[in-house]
Amino acid sequence: MNGVPILSIMTWAPFVAALVVMFFARQRPLLVRWASLVGATVSLVASVWVYWAYDRELAGFQFQEEFALVPSLGISYIFAVDGISALMSLLTSIIIFAGVFASWTVKQRSQEFYALLLLLVTGVYGVFVSLDLFIFFLFYEIAVLPMYLLIGIWGSSGEVRPQGIFGWAFGRTGVGTK
């Protein structure tokens, strides 16, 4: 692959865009949207390239990137894709690219919304490309918190009325409204 860390670029581009959104785009909603779009576009281009460059005849893991993070504990930064993770990364990049456009009209706290959305997709990419169990778990957890906040803050405000045994519990706790 000639030393181009394409999987790292694909994974970390949304994170860099989230940092730009949080630190440089305060009170500038157009810059927030464009920085988010650039981060999603870089990941889209990288994932399309990975998907089409993946050699289906060889199969197995390809585009491997590796370096030791904590050698004493056996924790390494190992990224690679196989056929299914290349496809899942491509689908993720298409969804986030469309998602940035679909949320173009978010007006309430848009800076936080886009930063959380980009952090979420960073976690999803990391889940699909990481081969080290510790790093996999780290990316999984990176994806969970922004998802919770996005649903809790910007989720639907329509009340869901659960039936049966859960109706009473959900009604008492306020859970189930988003």
N, C-alpha and C. Protein backbone atom coordinates (compact mmCIF):
# COMPACT_ATOMS: atom_id res chain seq x y z
N MET A 1 0.80 -1.19 0.00
CA MET A 1 0.00 0.00 0.00
C MET A 1 0.84 1.26 0.00
N ASN A 2 2.12 1.11 -0.01
CA ASN A 2 3.06 2.22 -0.15
C ASN A 2 3.00 3.20 1.03
N GLY A 3 2.67 2.72 2.20
CA GLY A 3 2.77 3.56 3.39
C GLY A 3 1.67 4.57 3.60
N VAL A 4 0.61 4.55 2.83
CA VAL A 4 -0.49 5.49 3.04
C VAL A 4 -1.45 4.87 4.06
N PRO A 5 -1.60 5.48 5.22
CA PRO A 5 -2.48 4.91 6.26
C PRO A 5 -3.95 5.23 5.97
N ILE A 6 -4.48 4.63 4.93
CA ILE A 6 -5.82 4.97 4.45
C ILE A 6 -6.90 4.67 5.48
N LEU A 7 -6.74 3.60 6.25
CA LEU A 7 -7.75 3.28 7.26
C LEU A 7 -7.73 4.28 8.41
N SER A 8 -6.54 4.74 8.77
CA SER A 8 -6.45 5.77 9.80
C SER A 8 -7.05 7.08 9.31
N ILE A 9 -6.81 7.41 8.06
CA ILE A 9 -7.39 8.63 7.48
C ILE A 9 -8.91 8.53 7.50
N MET A 10 -9.42 7.38 7.06
CA MET A 10 -10.86 7.17 7.03
C MET A 10 -11.46 7.26 8.43
N THR A 11 -10.79 6.70 9.42
CA THR A 11 -11.32 6.65 10.78
C THR A 11 -11.20 7.99 11.50
N TRP A 12 -10.07 8.65 11.36
CA TRP A 12 -9.81 9.85 12.17
C TRP A 12 -10.23 11.15 11.51
N ALA A 13 -10.57 11.17 10.21
CA ALA A 13 -11.01 12.41 9.56
C ALA A 13 -12.26 13.00 10.24
N PRO A 14 -13.28 12.20 10.58
CA PRO A 14 -14.42 12.79 11.28
C PRO A 14 -14.06 13.33 12.66
N PHE A 15 -13.11 12.70 13.34
CA PHE A 15 -12.68 13.18 14.65
C PHE A 15 -12.00 14.54 14.52
N VAL A 16 -11.14 14.67 13.53
CA VAL A 16 -10.48 15.96 13.30
C VAL A 16 -11.52 17.03 12.96
N ALA A 17 -12.51 16.65 12.15
CA ALA A 17 -13.58 17.60 11.82
C ALA A 17 -14.37 17.98 13.07
N ALA A 18 -14.59 17.02 13.97
CA ALA A 18 -15.29 17.32 15.22
C ALA A 18 -14.48 18.30 16.07
N LEU A 19 -13.17 18.14 16.10
CA LEU A 19 -12.32 19.09 16.83
C LEU A 19 -12.41 20.48 16.21
N VAL A 20 -12.39 20.55 14.89
CA VAL A 20 -12.53 21.84 14.21
C VAL A 20 -13.86 22.47 14.56
N VAL A 21 -14.91 21.66 14.54
CA VAL A 21 -16.25 22.17 14.86
C VAL A 21 -16.28 22.71 16.29
N MET A 22 -15.71 21.98 17.22
CA MET A 22 -15.80 22.39 18.62
C MET A 22 -14.89 23.57 18.98
N PHE A 23 -13.73 23.66 18.36
CA PHE A 23 -12.78 24.68 18.79
C PHE A 23 -12.68 25.90 17.88
N PHE A 24 -13.02 25.73 16.60
CA PHE A 24 -12.82 26.86 15.68
C PHE A 24 -14.11 27.39 15.07
N ALA A 25 -15.21 26.68 15.26
CA ALA A 25 -16.43 27.09 14.57
C ALA A 25 -17.50 27.63 15.51
N ARG A 26 -17.09 28.01 16.70
CA ARG A 26 -18.07 28.51 17.66
C ARG A 26 -18.78 29.74 17.11
N GLN A 27 -20.10 29.70 17.20
CA GLN A 27 -20.97 30.80 16.72
C GLN A 27 -20.86 31.04 15.22
N ARG A 28 -20.44 30.03 14.47
CA ARG A 28 -20.37 30.16 13.01
C ARG A 28 -21.02 28.92 12.41
N PRO A 29 -22.35 28.90 12.29
CA PRO A 29 -23.07 27.70 11.89
C PRO A 29 -22.70 27.20 10.49
N LEU A 30 -22.37 28.09 9.59
CA LEU A 30 -22.00 27.63 8.25
C LEU A 30 -20.66 26.89 8.27
N LEU A 31 -19.71 27.38 9.06
CA LEU A 31 -18.43 26.69 9.20
C LEU A 31 -18.61 25.33 9.87
N VAL A 32 -19.53 25.24 10.81
CA VAL A 32 -19.83 23.97 11.46
C VAL A 32 -20.28 22.95 10.42
N ARG A 33 -21.21 23.35 9.58
CA ARG A 33 -21.74 22.44 8.55
C ARG A 33 -20.68 22.06 7.53
N TRP A 34 -19.91 23.03 7.08
CA TRP A 34 -18.91 22.74 6.06
C TRP A 34 -17.76 21.89 6.61
N ALA A 35 -17.35 22.13 7.83
CA ALA A 35 -16.30 21.30 8.43
C ALA A 35 -16.80 19.86 8.59
N SER A 36 -18.05 19.70 8.99
CA SER A 36 -18.63 18.37 9.11
C SER A 36 -18.71 17.68 7.75
N LEU A 37 -19.08 18.43 6.75
CA LEU A 37 -19.17 17.87 5.40
C LEU A 37 -17.79 17.46 4.88
N VAL A 38 -16.79 18.26 5.15
CA VAL A 38 -15.43 17.92 4.72
C VAL A 38 -14.95 16.64 5.41
N GLY A 39 -15.17 16.53 6.71
CA GLY A 39 -14.79 15.32 7.43
C GLY A 39 -15.49 14.08 6.89
N ALA A 40 -16.79 14.20 6.61
CA ALA A 40 -17.55 13.08 6.06
C ALA A 40 -17.10 12.75 4.64
N THR A 41 -16.74 13.76 3.87
CA THR A 41 -16.31 13.54 2.49
C THR A 41 -14.95 12.84 2.44
N VAL A 42 -14.03 13.24 3.29
CA VAL A 42 -12.73 12.57 3.33
C VAL A 42 -12.90 11.09 3.65
N SER A 43 -13.74 10.79 4.64
CA SER A 43 -14.00 9.39 4.98
C SER A 43 -14.70 8.66 3.85
N LEU A 44 -15.61 9.32 3.17
CA LEU A 44 -16.31 8.70 2.04
C LEU A 44 -15.34 8.35 0.92
N VAL A 45 -14.48 9.28 0.57
CA VAL A 45 -13.51 9.03 -0.50
C VAL A 45 -12.56 7.90 -0.08
N ALA A 46 -12.09 7.91 1.15
CA ALA A 46 -11.18 6.86 1.61
C ALA A 46 -11.86 5.50 1.62
N SER A 47 -13.09 5.44 2.08
CA SER A 47 -13.78 4.14 2.14
C SER A 47 -14.15 3.62 0.76
N VAL A 48 -14.48 4.50 -0.16
CA VAL A 48 -14.73 4.05 -1.54
C VAL A 48 -13.45 3.49 -2.13
N TRP A 49 -12.33 4.18 -1.88
CA TRP A 49 -11.05 3.70 -2.38
C TRP A 49 -10.70 2.34 -1.79
N VAL A 50 -10.90 2.18 -0.47
CA VAL A 50 -10.61 0.90 0.19
C VAL A 50 -11.49 -0.20 -0.38
N TYR A 51 -12.75 0.09 -0.56
CA TYR A 51 -13.68 -0.93 -1.06
C TYR A 51 -13.29 -1.40 -2.46
N TRP A 52 -12.96 -0.44 -3.33
CA TRP A 52 -12.63 -0.82 -4.71
C TRP A 52 -11.22 -1.38 -4.83
N ALA A 53 -10.32 -1.00 -3.95
CA ALA A 53 -8.94 -1.51 -4.01
C ALA A 53 -8.79 -2.85 -3.29
N TYR A 54 -9.77 -3.25 -2.53
CA TYR A 54 -9.69 -4.52 -1.81
C TYR A 54 -9.64 -5.66 -2.82
N ASP A 55 -8.64 -6.49 -2.69
CA ASP A 55 -8.45 -7.61 -3.62
C ASP A 55 -9.27 -8.80 -3.14
N ARG A 56 -10.37 -9.05 -3.84
CA ARG A 56 -11.27 -10.13 -3.45
C ARG A 56 -10.69 -11.51 -3.70
N GLU A 57 -9.72 -11.60 -4.56
CA GLU A 57 -9.08 -12.89 -4.83
C GLU A 57 -8.19 -13.33 -3.66
N LEU A 58 -7.52 -12.37 -3.04
CA LEU A 58 -6.66 -12.69 -1.89
C LEU A 58 -7.47 -12.90 -0.62
N ALA A 59 -8.56 -12.17 -0.49
CA ALA A 59 -9.40 -12.20 0.71
C ALA A 59 -8.56 -11.90 1.94
N GLY A 60 -9.04 -12.23 3.12
CA GLY A 60 -8.28 -11.98 4.34
C GLY A 60 -8.17 -10.49 4.66
N PHE A 61 -7.33 -10.18 5.64
CA PHE A 61 -7.13 -8.80 6.05
C PHE A 61 -6.16 -8.09 5.12
N GLN A 62 -6.52 -6.89 4.74
CA GLN A 62 -5.69 -6.08 3.85
C GLN A 62 -5.60 -4.66 4.40
N PHE A 63 -4.68 -3.88 3.85
CA PHE A 63 -4.44 -2.48 4.25
C PHE A 63 -4.06 -2.38 5.73
N GLN A 64 -3.30 -3.32 6.22
CA GLN A 64 -2.98 -3.38 7.65
C GLN A 64 -2.06 -2.24 8.07
N GLU A 65 -2.39 -1.64 9.20
CA GLU A 65 -1.59 -0.62 9.86
C GLU A 65 -1.40 -1.08 11.28
N GLU A 66 -0.16 -0.99 11.76
CA GLU A 66 0.09 -1.52 13.10
C GLU A 66 1.23 -0.79 13.77
N PHE A 67 1.05 -0.45 15.04
CA PHE A 67 2.14 -0.03 15.91
C PHE A 67 1.72 -0.27 17.36
N ALA A 68 2.70 -0.51 18.20
CA ALA A 68 2.44 -0.84 19.60
C ALA A 68 2.06 0.42 20.37
N LEU A 69 1.00 0.32 21.15
CA LEU A 69 0.60 1.43 22.02
C LEU A 69 1.12 1.21 23.44
N VAL A 70 0.80 0.07 24.01
CA VAL A 70 1.26 -0.29 25.35
C VAL A 70 1.81 -1.70 25.26
N PRO A 71 3.09 -1.83 24.86
CA PRO A 71 3.65 -3.16 24.64
C PRO A 71 3.62 -4.06 25.88
N SER A 72 3.78 -3.49 27.05
CA SER A 72 3.79 -4.31 28.27
C SER A 72 2.44 -5.00 28.51
N LEU A 73 1.36 -4.42 27.99
CA LEU A 73 0.03 -5.02 28.14
C LEU A 73 -0.44 -5.70 26.86
N GLY A 74 0.39 -5.64 25.82
CA GLY A 74 0.02 -6.26 24.56
C GLY A 74 -1.03 -5.49 23.77
N ILE A 75 -1.15 -4.20 24.04
CA ILE A 75 -2.14 -3.37 23.35
C ILE A 75 -1.47 -2.72 22.15
N SER A 76 -2.03 -2.96 20.98
CA SER A 76 -1.48 -2.41 19.74
C SER A 76 -2.57 -1.75 18.93
N TYR A 77 -2.17 -0.75 18.19
CA TYR A 77 -3.06 -0.08 17.24
C TYR A 77 -2.95 -0.88 15.95
N ILE A 78 -3.91 -1.77 15.72
CA ILE A 78 -3.89 -2.61 14.52
C ILE A 78 -5.19 -2.38 13.77
N PHE A 79 -5.07 -1.80 12.59
CA PHE A 79 -6.22 -1.58 11.72
C PHE A 79 -6.04 -2.42 10.48
N ALA A 80 -7.10 -3.05 10.02
CA ALA A 80 -7.11 -3.79 8.76
C ALA A 80 -8.57 -4.03 8.39
N VAL A 81 -8.81 -4.34 7.14
CA VAL A 81 -10.17 -4.66 6.71
C VAL A 81 -10.19 -6.01 6.00
N ASP A 82 -11.30 -6.70 6.18
CA ASP A 82 -11.59 -7.86 5.35
C ASP A 82 -12.78 -7.46 4.49
N GLY A 83 -13.35 -8.40 3.77
CA GLY A 83 -14.42 -8.07 2.84
C GLY A 83 -15.63 -7.42 3.49
N ILE A 84 -16.07 -7.98 4.62
CA ILE A 84 -17.27 -7.44 5.26
C ILE A 84 -17.01 -6.10 5.91
N SER A 85 -15.85 -5.90 6.53
CA SER A 85 -15.58 -4.60 7.16
C SER A 85 -15.34 -3.51 6.12
N ALA A 86 -14.81 -3.88 4.95
CA ALA A 86 -14.68 -2.90 3.87
C ALA A 86 -16.06 -2.44 3.42
N LEU A 87 -16.98 -3.39 3.28
CA LEU A 87 -18.35 -3.05 2.89
C LEU A 87 -19.05 -2.23 3.98
N MET A 88 -18.91 -2.63 5.23
CA MET A 88 -19.56 -1.91 6.32
C MET A 88 -19.00 -0.49 6.47
N SER A 89 -17.71 -0.32 6.24
CA SER A 89 -17.12 1.02 6.28
C SER A 89 -17.66 1.89 5.14
N LEU A 90 -17.81 1.28 3.97
CA LEU A 90 -18.39 2.02 2.84
C LEU A 90 -19.82 2.44 3.14
N LEU A 91 -20.62 1.53 3.66
CA LEU A 91 -22.00 1.87 3.99
C LEU A 91 -22.07 2.93 5.09
N THR A 92 -21.19 2.86 6.06
CA THR A 92 -21.14 3.87 7.11
C THR A 92 -20.81 5.23 6.54
N SER A 93 -19.86 5.27 5.62
CA SER A 93 -19.47 6.56 5.05
C SER A 93 -20.58 7.15 4.19
N ILE A 94 -21.32 6.32 3.49
CA ILE A 94 -22.46 6.82 2.71
C ILE A 94 -23.53 7.38 3.64
N ILE A 95 -23.79 6.66 4.73
CA ILE A 95 -24.82 7.11 5.68
C ILE A 95 -24.41 8.41 6.37
N ILE A 96 -23.16 8.53 6.78
CA ILE A 96 -22.76 9.76 7.47
C ILE A 96 -22.72 10.94 6.50
N PHE A 97 -22.33 10.69 5.26
CA PHE A 97 -22.33 11.76 4.26
C PHE A 97 -23.75 12.26 4.03
N ALA A 98 -24.68 11.31 3.89
CA ALA A 98 -26.09 11.70 3.72
C ALA A 98 -26.63 12.31 5.02
N GLY A 99 -26.18 11.80 6.15
CA GLY A 99 -26.65 12.31 7.44
C GLY A 99 -26.25 13.75 7.69
N VAL A 100 -25.08 14.14 7.23
CA VAL A 100 -24.66 15.54 7.38
C VAL A 100 -25.59 16.43 6.58
N PHE A 101 -25.94 16.01 5.37
CA PHE A 101 -26.87 16.80 4.57
C PHE A 101 -28.28 16.76 5.15
N ALA A 102 -28.70 15.61 5.66
CA ALA A 102 -30.05 15.49 6.22
C ALA A 102 -30.21 16.36 7.46
N SER A 103 -29.13 16.61 8.19
CA SER A 103 -29.22 17.44 9.38
C SER A 103 -28.77 18.87 9.14
N TRP A 104 -28.71 19.26 7.90
CA TRP A 104 -28.27 20.61 7.54
C TRP A 104 -29.16 21.67 8.18
N THR A 105 -30.40 21.31 8.49
CA THR A 105 -31.36 22.28 9.04
C THR A 105 -31.38 22.31 10.56
N VAL A 106 -30.53 21.54 11.22
CA VAL A 106 -30.48 21.57 12.69
C VAL A 106 -30.01 22.96 13.12
N LYS A 107 -30.84 23.63 13.89
CA LYS A 107 -30.52 24.99 14.33
C LYS A 107 -30.17 25.04 15.81
N GLN A 108 -30.81 24.17 16.59
CA GLN A 108 -30.60 24.18 18.04
C GLN A 108 -29.31 23.44 18.37
N ARG A 109 -28.34 24.18 18.90
CA ARG A 109 -27.06 23.61 19.34
C ARG A 109 -26.41 22.79 18.22
N SER A 110 -26.33 23.36 17.06
CA SER A 110 -25.80 22.62 15.90
C SER A 110 -24.33 22.27 16.07
N GLN A 111 -23.58 23.10 16.75
CA GLN A 111 -22.17 22.80 16.96
C GLN A 111 -22.00 21.49 17.73
N GLU A 112 -22.74 21.34 18.82
CA GLU A 112 -22.66 20.12 19.61
C GLU A 112 -23.21 18.92 18.83
N PHE A 113 -24.29 19.15 18.07
CA PHE A 113 -24.89 18.07 17.30
C PHE A 113 -23.89 17.48 16.31
N TYR A 114 -23.27 18.33 15.51
CA TYR A 114 -22.32 17.84 14.50
C TYR A 114 -21.07 17.24 15.14
N ALA A 115 -20.60 17.81 16.23
CA ALA A 115 -19.42 17.24 16.90
C ALA A 115 -19.74 15.84 17.42
N LEU A 116 -20.91 15.66 18.01
CA LEU A 116 -21.30 14.33 18.50
C LEU A 116 -21.52 13.36 17.35
N LEU A 117 -22.11 13.84 16.27
CA LEU A 117 -22.33 12.97 15.10
C LEU A 117 -21.00 12.49 14.53
N LEU A 118 -20.04 13.38 14.42
CA LEU A 118 -18.73 13.00 13.89
C LEU A 118 -17.96 12.11 14.86
N LEU A 119 -18.10 12.35 16.15
CA LEU A 119 -17.47 11.47 17.14
C LEU A 119 -18.10 10.07 17.08
N LEU A 120 -19.40 10.01 16.91
CA LEU A 120 -20.09 8.73 16.78
C LEU A 120 -19.56 7.94 15.60
N VAL A 121 -19.44 8.58 14.46
CA VAL A 121 -18.99 7.86 13.27
C VAL A 121 -17.52 7.47 13.37
N THR A 122 -16.72 8.24 14.09
CA THR A 122 -15.33 7.83 14.35
C THR A 122 -15.32 6.51 15.10
N GLY A 123 -16.16 6.39 16.10
CA GLY A 123 -16.27 5.14 16.84
C GLY A 123 -16.73 3.98 15.98
N VAL A 124 -17.67 4.24 15.10
CA VAL A 124 -18.18 3.17 14.23
C VAL A 124 -17.10 2.70 13.26
N TYR A 125 -16.38 3.62 12.65
CA TYR A 125 -15.27 3.22 11.77
C TYR A 125 -14.24 2.40 12.54
N GLY A 126 -13.89 2.86 13.74
CA GLY A 126 -12.92 2.14 14.55
C GLY A 126 -13.36 0.73 14.88
N VAL A 127 -14.64 0.55 15.15
CA VAL A 127 -15.17 -0.79 15.42
C VAL A 127 -14.98 -1.69 14.21
N PHE A 128 -15.18 -1.16 13.02
CA PHE A 128 -15.11 -1.98 11.82
C PHE A 128 -13.68 -2.32 11.39
N VAL A 129 -12.71 -1.49 11.76
CA VAL A 129 -11.35 -1.72 11.25
C VAL A 129 -10.34 -2.16 12.29
N SER A 130 -10.69 -2.11 13.58
CA SER A 130 -9.70 -2.48 14.59
C SER A 130 -9.62 -3.99 14.77
N LEU A 131 -8.40 -4.47 14.96
CA LEU A 131 -8.16 -5.88 15.18
C LEU A 131 -7.71 -6.20 16.60
N ASP A 132 -7.33 -5.21 17.36
CA ASP A 132 -6.95 -5.41 18.75
C ASP A 132 -8.21 -5.27 19.61
N LEU A 133 -8.42 -6.22 20.51
CA LEU A 133 -9.65 -6.24 21.31
C LEU A 133 -9.79 -5.00 22.18
N PHE A 134 -8.72 -4.52 22.76
CA PHE A 134 -8.79 -3.32 23.61
C PHE A 134 -9.19 -2.11 22.77
N ILE A 135 -8.58 -1.95 21.61
CA ILE A 135 -8.90 -0.82 20.73
C ILE A 135 -10.32 -0.94 20.20
N PHE A 136 -10.74 -2.15 19.86
CA PHE A 136 -12.12 -2.40 19.43
C PHE A 136 -13.09 -1.92 20.52
N PHE A 137 -12.85 -2.33 21.75
CA PHE A 137 -13.72 -1.93 22.85
C PHE A 137 -13.69 -0.43 23.07
N LEU A 138 -12.53 0.19 22.95
CA LEU A 138 -12.41 1.63 23.09
C LEU A 138 -13.27 2.36 22.05
N PHE A 139 -13.18 1.93 20.79
CA PHE A 139 -13.99 2.55 19.74
C PHE A 139 -15.48 2.28 19.95
N TYR A 140 -15.81 1.11 20.43
CA TYR A 140 -17.21 0.80 20.71
C TYR A 140 -17.76 1.76 21.75
N GLU A 141 -17.00 1.99 22.79
CA GLU A 141 -17.43 2.92 23.83
C GLU A 141 -17.46 4.35 23.32
N ILE A 142 -16.56 4.70 22.42
CA ILE A 142 -16.57 6.05 21.82
C ILE A 142 -17.87 6.27 21.06
N ALA A 143 -18.41 5.21 20.47
CA ALA A 143 -19.65 5.33 19.70
C ALA A 143 -20.90 5.38 20.58
N VAL A 144 -20.85 4.79 21.76
CA VAL A 144 -22.05 4.67 22.58
C VAL A 144 -22.47 6.01 23.19
N LEU A 145 -21.56 6.75 23.78
CA LEU A 145 -21.93 7.99 24.46
C LEU A 145 -22.52 9.04 23.50
N PRO A 146 -21.90 9.33 22.36
CA PRO A 146 -22.53 10.30 21.46
C PRO A 146 -23.91 9.85 20.96
N MET A 147 -24.08 8.54 20.76
CA MET A 147 -25.38 8.04 20.32
C MET A 147 -26.44 8.32 21.38
N TYR A 148 -26.10 8.08 22.62
CA TYR A 148 -27.03 8.34 23.72
C TYR A 148 -27.41 9.83 23.77
N LEU A 149 -26.41 10.69 23.66
CA LEU A 149 -26.67 12.13 23.73
C LEU A 149 -27.45 12.62 22.51
N LEU A 150 -27.13 12.12 21.34
CA LEU A 150 -27.87 12.53 20.14
C LEU A 150 -29.35 12.14 20.23
N ILE A 151 -29.61 10.94 20.69
CA ILE A 151 -31.00 10.49 20.83
C ILE A 151 -31.70 11.27 21.94
N GLY A 152 -31.01 11.44 23.06
CA GLY A 152 -31.62 12.10 24.20
C GLY A 152 -31.90 13.56 23.99
N ILE A 153 -31.05 14.26 23.27
CA ILE A 153 -31.22 15.71 23.09
C ILE A 153 -31.99 16.05 21.82
N TRP A 154 -31.61 15.44 20.69
CA TRP A 154 -32.21 15.81 19.41
C TRP A 154 -33.19 14.77 18.89
N GLY A 155 -33.44 13.72 19.65
CA GLY A 155 -34.37 12.68 19.21
C GLY A 155 -35.78 13.20 19.11
N SER A 156 -36.65 12.38 18.61
CA SER A 156 -38.04 12.75 18.44
C SER A 156 -38.65 13.13 19.78
N SER A 157 -39.49 14.15 19.78
CA SER A 157 -40.15 14.55 21.01
C SER A 157 -41.54 13.95 21.11
N GLY A 158 -41.95 13.19 20.09
CA GLY A 158 -43.25 12.54 20.13
C GLY A 158 -43.26 11.47 21.21
N GLU A 159 -44.30 11.46 22.01
CA GLU A 159 -44.35 10.52 23.12
C GLU A 159 -44.69 9.13 22.61
N VAL A 160 -43.93 8.17 23.04
CA VAL A 160 -44.17 6.78 22.71
C VAL A 160 -44.97 6.20 23.87
N ARG A 161 -46.06 5.54 23.58
CA ARG A 161 -46.89 4.98 24.62
C ARG A 161 -46.75 3.46 24.65
N PRO A 162 -45.83 2.97 25.49
CA PRO A 162 -45.67 1.52 25.59
C PRO A 162 -46.88 0.88 26.27
N GLN A 163 -47.15 -0.33 25.89
CA GLN A 163 -48.30 -1.07 26.41
C GLN A 163 -47.81 -2.18 27.33
N GLY A 164 -48.73 -2.75 28.07
CA GLY A 164 -48.43 -3.92 28.88
C GLY A 164 -47.63 -3.59 30.12
N ILE A 165 -46.81 -4.53 30.51
CA ILE A 165 -46.05 -4.42 31.76
C ILE A 165 -45.06 -3.27 31.73
N PHE A 166 -44.55 -2.91 30.54
CA PHE A 166 -43.57 -1.84 30.46
C PHE A 166 -44.22 -0.46 30.48
N GLY A 167 -45.49 -0.38 30.18
CA GLY A 167 -46.18 0.91 30.15
C GLY A 167 -46.11 1.63 31.48
N TRP A 168 -46.35 0.91 32.56
CA TRP A 168 -46.32 1.52 33.88
C TRP A 168 -44.90 1.97 34.22
N ALA A 169 -43.89 1.10 33.99
CA ALA A 169 -42.50 1.42 34.34
C ALA A 169 -42.00 2.60 33.51
N PHE A 170 -42.27 2.60 32.22
CA PHE A 170 -41.82 3.69 31.37
C PHE A 170 -42.52 4.99 31.74
N GLY A 171 -43.79 4.90 32.06
CA GLY A 171 -44.52 6.09 32.44
C GLY A 171 -44.01 6.71 33.72
N ARG A 172 -43.61 5.89 34.68
CA ARG A 172 -43.11 6.39 35.97
C ARG A 172 -41.72 7.00 35.84
N THR A 173 -40.90 6.46 34.93
CA THR A 173 -39.52 6.92 34.82
C THR A 173 -39.31 7.97 33.74
N GLY A 174 -40.26 8.10 32.83
CA GLY A 174 -40.09 9.05 31.72
C GLY A 174 -39.28 8.48 30.57
N VAL A 175 -38.90 7.22 30.68
CA VAL A 175 -38.16 6.55 29.62
C VAL A 175 -39.13 6.21 28.50
N GLY A 176 -38.66 6.20 27.29
CA GLY A 176 -39.49 5.77 26.17
C GLY A 176 -40.13 6.90 25.43
N THR A 177 -39.70 8.14 25.68
CA THR A 177 -40.32 9.26 24.97
C THR A 177 -39.49 9.71 23.78
N LYS A 178 -38.36 9.08 23.55
CA LYS A 178 -37.54 9.46 22.40
C LYS A 178 -37.08 8.23 21.67
